[in-house]
Structures are given as structure tokens and as C-alpha cells.
């Protein structure tokens, strides 16, 4: 995964509140102008296709990848 916005979305899903949905996370990204709602839905679809995101949360692979992204951003 080399798209920065997809990495940001993956990390945002990792950090989301328990009562937030994936759509809520995408709407937050849209509100803060990280990317548009349309782009966010496209990225989410891609993350699901890559088996990083399940119905309403990250898969085990997704959690691992999100933690790698978190470390990458800390460097």
C-alpha cells in the first residue's frame, strides 16, 4: 500500500471511537478536507478488497498494517 490517503484512513479507523462507524470516519476526513467523501468511500472499498477492513472494523491483518503505518508516521 503506497497511497498516503489510504494509510491515513487505515490509521483513522484504528483510532476511531468504539461508537463510530466507518462512514463516520470517512465523514471526519471529508470535514477536515483530508479527502472528499467520494474518495474516502473509494479508499474504504480498496481497503476492504485488500482484506484490511471488515464490516465495521479492521481485520487482524488490517490492525497489523495500521500499526506499521503508525510507526511509519512517527519516524
C-alpha atoms as a PDB file:
ATOM      1  CA  UNK A   1       0.000   0.000   0.000  1.00  0.00           C
ATOM      2  CA  UNK A   2       1.680   3.172  -1.139  1.00  0.00           C
ATOM      3  CA  UNK A   3      -1.205   5.650  -1.218  1.00  0.00           C
ATOM      4  CA  UNK A   4      -0.791   8.135   1.635  1.00  0.00           C
ATOM      5  CA  UNK A   5      -4.527   8.839   1.933  1.00  0.00           C
ATOM      6  CA  UNK A   6      -5.306   5.127   2.273  1.00  0.00           C
ATOM      7  CA  UNK A   7      -2.705   4.924   5.032  1.00  0.00           C
ATOM      8  CA  UNK A   8      -4.279   7.898   6.803  1.00  0.00           C
ATOM      9  CA  UNK A   9      -7.718   6.280   6.530  1.00  0.00           C
ATOM     10  CA  UNK A  10      -6.392   2.968   7.848  1.00  0.00           C
ATOM     11  CA  UNK A  11      -4.848   4.744  10.821  1.00  0.00           C
ATOM     12  CA  UNK A  12      -8.044   6.744  11.421  1.00  0.00           C
ATOM     13  CA  UNK A  13     -10.032   3.504  11.512  1.00  0.00           C
ATOM     14  CA  UNK A  14      -7.561   2.081  14.031  1.00  0.00           C
ATOM     15  CA  UNK A  15      -8.010   5.179  16.225  1.00  0.00           C
ATOM     16  CA  UNK A  16     -11.796   5.508  15.817  1.00  0.00           C
ATOM     17  CA  UNK A  17     -14.069   5.632  18.836  1.00  0.00           C
ATOM     18  CA  UNK A  18     -15.987   2.466  19.702  1.00  0.00           C
ATOM     19  CA  UNK A  19     -19.340   4.026  18.796  1.00  0.00           C
ATOM     20  CA  UNK A  20     -18.136   5.454  15.455  1.00  0.00           C
ATOM     21  CA  UNK A  21     -18.902   3.752  12.172  1.00  0.00           C
ATOM     22  CA  UNK A  22     -16.597   3.554   9.175  1.00  0.00           C
ATOM     23  CA  UNK A  23     -18.806   6.160   7.472  1.00  0.00           C
ATOM     24  CA  UNK A  24     -18.301   8.469  10.457  1.00  0.00           C
ATOM     25  CA  UNK A  25     -14.540   8.171   9.981  1.00  0.00           C
ATOM     26  CA  UNK A  26     -14.829   8.980   6.270  1.00  0.00           C
ATOM     27  CA  UNK A  27     -17.080  11.966   7.050  1.00  0.00           C
ATOM     28  CA  UNK A  28     -14.474  13.254   9.537  1.00  0.00           C
ATOM     29  CA  UNK A  29     -11.812  13.033   6.838  1.00  0.00           C
ATOM     30  CA  UNK A  30     -14.110  14.934   4.462  1.00  0.00           C
ATOM     31  CA  UNK A  31     -14.889  17.607   7.081  1.00  0.00           C
ATOM     32  CA  UNK A  32     -11.189  18.189   7.738  1.00  0.00           C
ATOM     33  CA  UNK A  33     -10.509  18.293   3.978  1.00  0.00           C
ATOM     34  CA  UNK A  34      -8.117  15.312   4.040  1.00  0.00           C
ATOM     35  CA  UNK A  35     -10.059  13.881   1.089  1.00  0.00           C
ATOM     36  CA  UNK A  36     -13.586  14.021  -0.283  1.00  0.00           C
ATOM     37  CA  UNK A  37     -16.411  11.743   0.784  1.00  0.00           C
ATOM     38  CA  UNK A  38     -16.342  10.130  -2.660  1.00  0.00           C
ATOM     39  CA  UNK A  39     -12.591   9.479  -2.444  1.00  0.00           C
ATOM     40  CA  UNK A  40     -12.976   8.164   1.105  1.00  0.00           C
ATOM     41  CA  UNK A  41     -15.564   5.628   0.005  1.00  0.00           C
ATOM     42  CA  UNK A  42     -13.266   4.555  -2.828  1.00  0.00           C
ATOM     43  CA  UNK A  43     -10.345   4.109  -0.406  1.00  0.00           C
ATOM     44  CA  UNK A  44     -12.549   2.159   2.008  1.00  0.00           C
ATOM     45  CA  UNK A  45     -13.649  -0.134  -0.809  1.00  0.00           C
ATOM     46  CA  UNK A  46      -9.994  -0.725  -1.738  1.00  0.00           C
ATOM     47  CA  UNK A  47      -9.075  -1.471   1.886  1.00  0.00           C
ATOM     48  CA  UNK A  48     -11.928  -3.973   2.075  1.00  0.00           C
ATOM     49  CA  UNK A  49     -10.763  -5.578  -1.169  1.00  0.00           C
ATOM     50  CA  UNK A  50      -7.267  -5.907   0.359  1.00  0.00           C
ATOM     51  CA  UNK A  51      -8.857  -7.624   3.407  1.00  0.00           C
ATOM     52  CA  UNK A  52      -7.635  -4.895   5.746  1.00  0.00           C
ATOM     53  CA  UNK A  53     -11.128  -3.796   6.748  1.00  0.00           C
ATOM     54  CA  UNK A  54     -14.135  -5.944   7.623  1.00  0.00           C
ATOM     55  CA  UNK A  55     -17.741  -4.887   8.180  1.00  0.00           C
ATOM     56  CA  UNK A  56     -17.183  -2.179  10.806  1.00  0.00           C
ATOM     57  CA  UNK A  57     -13.583  -2.586  11.921  1.00  0.00           C
ATOM     58  CA  UNK A  58     -10.109  -3.603  10.902  1.00  0.00           C
ATOM     59  CA  UNK A  59      -9.266  -7.238  10.307  1.00  0.00           C
ATOM     60  CA  UNK A  60      -6.296  -8.731  12.151  1.00  0.00           C
ATOM     61  CA  UNK A  61      -4.180  -8.056   9.065  1.00  0.00           C
ATOM     62  CA  UNK A  62      -5.571  -4.517   8.984  1.00  0.00           C
ATOM     63  CA  UNK A  63      -4.638  -3.895  12.622  1.00  0.00           C
ATOM     64  CA  UNK A  64      -1.096  -5.086  11.943  1.00  0.00           C
ATOM     65  CA  UNK A  65      -0.812  -2.905   8.831  1.00  0.00           C
ATOM     66  CA  UNK A  66      -2.301   0.115  10.655  1.00  0.00           C
ATOM     67  CA  UNK A  67       0.270  -0.242  13.434  1.00  0.00           C
ATOM     68  CA  UNK A  68       3.033  -0.363  10.800  1.00  0.00           C
ATOM     69  CA  UNK A  69       1.620   2.842   9.297  1.00  0.00           C
ATOM     70  CA  UNK A  70       1.518   4.431  12.757  1.00  0.00           C
ATOM     71  CA  UNK A  71       5.210   3.658  13.243  1.00  0.00           C
ATOM     72  CA  UNK A  72       5.987   4.966   9.764  1.00  0.00           C
ATOM     73  CA  UNK A  73       4.320   8.292  10.589  1.00  0.00           C
ATOM     74  CA  UNK A  74       6.211   8.564  13.887  1.00  0.00           C
ATOM     75  CA  UNK A  75       9.579   8.427  12.120  1.00  0.00           C
END
